[in-house]
Amino acid sequence: MHYNQYEQQYKQEVINFFNSRTSYDNDYTIRRTLPLLELVHLQKGQKLLDIATGTGIIAIAAAQIVGSEGKVIGVDFSSEMLKQAQQKIEELGLQNIELIEADAEYIDFKDESFDVILCSTAIVYFTDILAALRKWYRFLKQGGIVGFSSCSQESCEAPLIIEVCAKHGIFLTNINEPTGTPQKCRNLLQEAGFKDIKVKSEQFGFYRSIEQAQEWNGRWFHPRENPLLQLSAEQMQELQAEYRQQIEAMATEQEIWYENMTIFATGRK
């Protein structure tokens, strides 16, 4: 499969996944999103770009801070996520938010258009993270701030899925790996030209039931490769069976821990 073909298929899978999340907002998704906004200290009248805005958690909170003289633009390629965002915007009567349905990786704006650019837990979906950061650098006004958050490379189900697949000679790359440590986030921002870089981490993990933890449906996201696409249904069933066994073996009295260390990184132009 040529890369362009894979990228198209991969992004459609990501769109389908987020379009299916019709009740995205909850205590967990809100708690792990808003700390990114708190780091940038928005001011009234500023203009903010929210990359992969989803249901607008950051965009709406930012719009309420920057006020009528400010502006927030939210970009996402999930139409269903944007519908949820638009409904909230209308219910709140906000007039200073614009939502754009587009692939944020390829959208373009004039140089020095924004005071702040944020991307919450979505930068890992980009096919070229460094190129994205360099583009955002160009979009920012001098002295402007970029901020993104990402899960550690030890978070979510990925490490166990990788381990199970490796036993069967299938080698997966963790989508969280490029931004999976505070130092990696710092290095990316430095390479993109940012200064005054600040990085912090916060744990948002929680316990799940064994049944919930075992619900791996075979989905795997990576912007460059996915060896699982080449497997037969029987091979995938074998992997899923072993994954469920591994989950059961990990159970404690509090059931199964879902690791979610989130890294928040900001830099100034």
Protein backbone atom coordinates (compact mmCIF):
# COMPACT_ATOMS: atom_id res chain seq x y z
CA MET A 1 0.00 0.00 0.00
CA HIS A 2 1.39 3.41 -0.94
CA TYR A 3 1.71 5.92 1.88
CA ASN A 4 -0.95 8.28 0.49
CA GLN A 5 -3.41 5.40 0.33
CA TYR A 6 -2.59 4.37 3.87
CA GLU A 7 -2.88 7.93 5.17
CA GLN A 8 -6.32 8.28 3.61
CA GLN A 9 -7.47 5.00 5.14
CA TYR A 10 -5.92 5.84 8.51
CA LYS A 11 -7.55 9.26 8.71
CA GLN A 12 -10.92 7.87 7.73
CA GLU A 13 -10.61 5.37 10.59
CA VAL A 14 -9.84 8.22 12.99
CA ILE A 15 -12.82 10.20 11.70
CA ASN A 16 -15.11 7.18 12.06
CA PHE A 17 -13.87 6.60 15.60
CA PHE A 18 -14.56 10.15 16.75
CA ASN A 19 -17.83 10.38 14.83
CA SER A 20 -19.00 7.37 16.85
CA ARG A 21 -18.37 9.12 20.19
CA THR A 22 -21.75 10.79 20.46
CA SER A 23 -21.45 11.41 24.21
CA TYR A 24 -17.82 12.50 24.43
CA ASP A 25 -18.00 15.05 27.25
CA ASN A 26 -17.68 13.66 30.76
CA ASP A 27 -15.74 14.37 33.93
CA TYR A 28 -12.66 12.54 32.63
CA THR A 29 -12.45 14.21 29.21
CA ILE A 30 -13.03 17.65 30.68
CA ARG A 31 -10.58 17.22 33.58
CA ARG A 32 -7.73 16.15 31.30
CA THR A 33 -8.40 18.91 28.74
CA LEU A 34 -8.76 22.16 30.67
CA PRO A 35 -5.30 22.15 32.36
CA LEU A 36 -3.82 22.98 28.95
CA LEU A 37 -5.89 26.15 28.76
CA GLU A 38 -4.93 27.11 32.30
CA LEU A 39 -1.23 27.09 31.35
CA VAL A 40 -1.46 29.83 28.72
CA HIS A 41 -3.14 32.58 30.79
CA LEU A 42 -5.47 33.93 28.11
CA GLN A 43 -6.35 37.63 28.03
CA LYS A 44 -9.43 39.45 26.80
CA GLY A 45 -9.28 40.35 23.13
CA GLN A 46 -6.86 37.59 22.13
CA LYS A 47 -7.30 35.32 19.10
CA LEU A 48 -6.94 31.57 19.66
CA LEU A 49 -6.76 28.58 17.32
CA ASP A 50 -7.94 25.28 18.79
CA ILE A 51 -6.53 22.42 16.72
CA ALA A 52 -8.66 19.24 16.76
CA THR A 53 -11.27 21.07 18.79
CA GLY A 54 -13.58 18.07 19.06
CA THR A 55 -16.65 19.02 21.08
CA GLY A 56 -15.15 22.43 21.77
CA ILE A 57 -14.17 21.94 25.41
CA ILE A 58 -11.17 24.27 25.11
CA ALA A 59 -12.68 26.51 22.44
CA ILE A 60 -15.78 27.32 24.47
CA ALA A 61 -13.87 27.94 27.70
CA ALA A 62 -11.41 30.14 25.77
CA ALA A 63 -14.19 32.11 24.09
CA GLN A 64 -15.65 32.97 27.47
CA ILE A 65 -12.25 34.33 28.56
CA VAL A 66 -11.26 36.35 25.46
CA GLY A 67 -14.72 37.94 25.31
CA SER A 68 -16.50 39.72 22.49
CA GLU A 69 -13.35 41.51 21.35
CA GLY A 70 -11.49 38.21 21.01
CA LYS A 71 -11.97 35.32 18.60
CA VAL A 72 -11.66 31.54 18.77
CA ILE A 73 -11.37 29.28 15.74
CA GLY A 74 -11.83 25.54 16.24
CA VAL A 75 -10.76 23.07 13.55
CA ASP A 76 -11.67 19.39 13.38
CA PHE A 77 -12.41 16.80 10.71
CA SER A 78 -15.06 14.95 12.74
CA SER A 79 -18.46 16.30 11.70
CA GLU A 80 -20.21 14.64 14.64
CA MET A 81 -17.80 16.18 17.16
CA LEU A 82 -18.38 19.59 15.62
CA LYS A 83 -22.15 19.11 15.83
CA GLN A 84 -21.80 18.57 19.59
CA ALA A 85 -19.61 21.67 19.83
CA GLN A 86 -22.04 23.78 17.81
CA GLN A 87 -24.97 22.73 19.98
CA LYS A 88 -23.12 23.86 23.12
CA ILE A 89 -22.10 27.13 21.48
CA GLU A 90 -25.69 27.90 20.53
CA GLU A 91 -27.00 27.00 23.98
CA LEU A 92 -24.50 29.43 25.52
CA GLY A 93 -25.20 32.12 22.94
CA LEU A 94 -21.52 32.60 22.11
CA GLN A 95 -20.81 34.76 19.07
CA ASN A 96 -17.00 34.72 19.03
CA ILE A 97 -16.33 31.11 17.97
CA GLU A 98 -15.93 29.86 14.41
CA LEU A 99 -15.87 26.11 13.73
CA ILE A 100 -14.17 24.78 10.61
CA GLU A 101 -14.57 21.20 9.40
CA ALA A 102 -11.20 20.36 7.89
CA ASP A 103 -8.09 18.23 8.31
CA ALA A 104 -6.10 20.39 10.73
CA GLU A 105 -2.85 18.95 9.39
CA TYR A 106 -3.39 20.63 6.02
CA ILE A 107 -5.34 23.78 6.88
CA ASP A 108 -3.53 27.07 6.37
CA PHE A 109 -3.77 30.56 7.88
CA LYS A 110 -1.89 33.77 7.31
CA ASP A 111 1.36 34.28 9.19
CA GLU A 112 1.04 35.80 12.66
CA SER A 113 -2.74 35.33 12.85
CA PHE A 114 -3.06 34.05 16.43
CA ASP A 115 -1.99 34.88 19.97
CA VAL A 116 -2.42 31.29 21.15
CA ILE A 117 -2.61 27.89 19.44
CA LEU A 118 -3.69 24.81 21.43
CA CYS A 119 -4.02 21.12 20.61
CA SER A 120 -5.38 18.85 23.31
CA THR A 121 -4.39 15.14 23.16
CA ALA A 122 -4.55 15.07 19.35
CA ILE A 123 -1.07 15.99 18.14
CA VAL A 124 -0.07 12.31 17.98
CA TYR A 125 -2.60 11.74 15.18
CA PHE A 126 -0.60 14.02 12.86
CA THR A 127 1.58 12.32 10.27
CA ASP A 128 4.40 14.83 10.88
CA ILE A 129 4.35 16.39 14.35
CA LEU A 130 7.43 18.55 13.88
CA ALA A 131 6.07 19.98 10.62
CA ALA A 132 2.79 20.79 12.38
CA LEU A 133 4.60 22.62 15.17
CA ARG A 134 6.63 24.61 12.64
CA LYS A 135 3.45 25.59 10.83
CA TRP A 136 1.84 26.67 14.10
CA TYR A 137 4.96 28.71 14.84
CA ARG A 138 4.33 30.56 11.59
CA PHE A 139 0.66 31.12 12.45
CA LEU A 140 1.55 32.70 15.81
CA LYS A 141 2.20 36.37 16.41
CA GLN A 142 5.58 37.26 17.86
CA GLY A 143 5.45 36.37 21.54
CA GLY A 144 2.50 34.05 20.95
CA ILE A 145 2.14 30.74 22.78
CA VAL A 146 1.62 27.21 21.55
CA GLY A 147 0.41 24.45 23.86
CA PHE A 148 -0.32 20.77 23.37
CA SER A 149 -1.04 17.77 25.54
CA SER A 150 -0.34 14.10 24.94
CA CYS A 151 -0.48 10.79 26.74
CA SER A 152 2.73 9.21 27.98
CA GLN A 153 3.99 6.26 25.96
CA GLU A 154 3.07 4.01 28.89
CA SER A 155 -0.56 5.16 28.86
CA CYS A 156 -3.77 3.50 27.71
CA GLU A 157 -3.85 -0.04 26.38
CA ALA A 158 -1.01 0.43 23.89
CA PRO A 159 1.88 -1.13 25.87
CA LEU A 160 -0.03 -4.35 26.53
CA ILE A 161 -1.31 -4.59 22.94
CA ILE A 162 2.27 -4.13 21.69
CA GLU A 163 3.51 -6.83 24.08
CA VAL A 164 0.84 -9.33 23.05
CA CYS A 165 1.40 -8.74 19.34
CA ALA A 166 5.19 -9.03 19.70
CA LYS A 167 4.76 -12.56 21.06
CA HIS A 168 3.18 -13.41 17.72
CA GLY A 169 5.89 -11.74 15.66
CA ILE A 170 3.82 -8.63 14.97
CA PHE A 171 5.68 -5.45 15.81
CA LEU A 172 3.61 -2.31 16.44
CA THR A 173 4.74 1.27 16.96
CA ASN A 174 3.08 3.19 19.78
CA ILE A 175 1.27 6.29 18.48
CA ASN A 176 2.15 8.05 21.76
CA GLU A 177 5.89 7.42 21.38
CA PRO A 178 6.93 10.70 19.62
CA THR A 179 5.52 12.84 22.46
CA GLY A 180 5.50 10.14 25.12
CA THR A 181 7.88 11.73 27.64
CA PRO A 182 8.32 15.30 28.92
CA GLN A 183 11.79 15.45 27.33
CA LYS A 184 10.48 14.41 23.92
CA CYS A 185 7.85 17.15 24.08
CA ARG A 186 10.49 19.67 25.06
CA ASN A 187 12.79 18.56 22.25
CA LEU A 188 10.06 18.90 19.62
CA LEU A 189 9.20 22.42 20.74
CA GLN A 190 12.85 23.42 20.74
CA GLU A 191 13.41 21.99 17.26
CA ALA A 192 10.36 23.89 15.99
CA GLY A 193 11.90 27.13 17.25
CA PHE A 194 9.97 27.78 20.45
CA LYS A 195 11.51 29.18 23.63
CA ASP A 196 10.42 29.59 27.27
CA ILE A 197 9.29 25.97 27.13
CA LYS A 198 7.38 24.58 30.08
CA VAL A 199 6.36 20.95 30.53
CA LYS A 200 4.32 19.34 33.30
CA SER A 201 2.65 15.96 33.79
CA GLU A 202 -0.54 14.96 35.56
CA GLN A 203 -2.03 11.54 36.26
CA PHE A 204 -5.62 10.99 35.09
CA GLY A 205 -5.66 7.21 35.42
CA PHE A 206 -8.53 5.27 36.93
CA TYR A 207 -9.70 1.74 37.65
CA ARG A 208 -11.96 -0.15 35.25
CA SER A 209 -13.80 -3.43 35.52
CA ILE A 210 -12.17 -6.49 33.97
CA GLU A 211 -14.94 -6.62 31.39
CA GLN A 212 -14.36 -3.02 30.33
CA ALA A 213 -10.60 -3.50 30.15
CA GLN A 214 -10.95 -6.60 27.98
CA GLU A 215 -12.93 -4.79 25.30
CA TRP A 216 -10.15 -4.40 22.74
CA ASN A 217 -11.85 -4.61 19.35
CA GLY A 218 -8.64 -4.87 17.37
CA ARG A 219 -8.47 -1.16 16.56
CA TRP A 220 -5.01 0.33 16.25
CA PHE A 221 -4.17 3.88 15.21
CA HIS A 222 -0.83 4.95 13.83
CA PRO A 223 -0.28 7.66 11.18
CA ARG A 224 2.36 5.70 9.29
CA GLU A 225 1.76 1.98 9.69
CA ASN A 226 -0.64 -0.63 11.02
CA PRO A 227 0.45 -4.26 10.57
CA LEU A 228 -2.85 -5.42 12.09
CA LEU A 229 -4.62 -4.50 8.85
CA GLN A 230 -2.88 -7.43 7.17
CA LEU A 231 -4.17 -10.06 9.62
CA SER A 232 -6.96 -12.55 9.02
CA ALA A 233 -10.03 -12.61 11.25
CA GLU A 234 -8.71 -15.77 12.86
CA GLN A 235 -5.33 -14.20 13.66
CA MET A 236 -7.02 -11.16 15.18
CA GLN A 237 -9.27 -13.35 17.30
CA GLU A 238 -6.18 -15.14 18.61
CA LEU A 239 -4.58 -11.82 19.61
CA GLN A 240 -7.76 -10.62 21.28
CA ALA A 241 -8.09 -13.85 23.24
CA GLU A 242 -4.55 -13.55 24.58
CA TYR A 243 -5.10 -9.88 25.37
CA ARG A 244 -8.17 -10.78 27.45
CA GLN A 245 -6.17 -13.42 29.30
CA GLN A 246 -3.42 -10.92 30.08
CA ILE A 247 -5.98 -8.42 31.39
CA GLU A 248 -7.51 -11.06 33.65
CA ALA A 249 -4.07 -11.91 35.05
CA MET A 250 -3.50 -8.24 35.91
CA ALA A 251 -6.67 -7.91 38.01
CA THR A 252 -6.45 -6.63 41.57
CA GLU A 253 -9.06 -6.04 44.25
CA GLN A 254 -9.62 -2.64 42.63
CA GLU A 255 -9.82 -4.39 39.27
CA ILE A 256 -7.79 -3.01 36.31
CA TRP A 257 -5.79 0.22 36.39
CA TYR A 258 -6.07 2.36 33.25
CA GLU A 259 -2.85 4.35 33.08
CA ASN A 260 -3.26 7.89 31.75
CA MET A 261 -0.33 10.13 32.52
CA THR A 262 -0.90 13.28 30.46
CA ILE A 263 1.91 15.63 29.48
CA PHE A 264 1.21 19.34 28.99
CA ALA A 265 3.77 21.37 27.04
CA THR A 266 3.87 25.05 26.10
CA GLY A 267 6.35 27.25 24.27
CA ARG A 268 6.60 30.86 23.16
CA LYS A 269 7.48 32.24 19.73
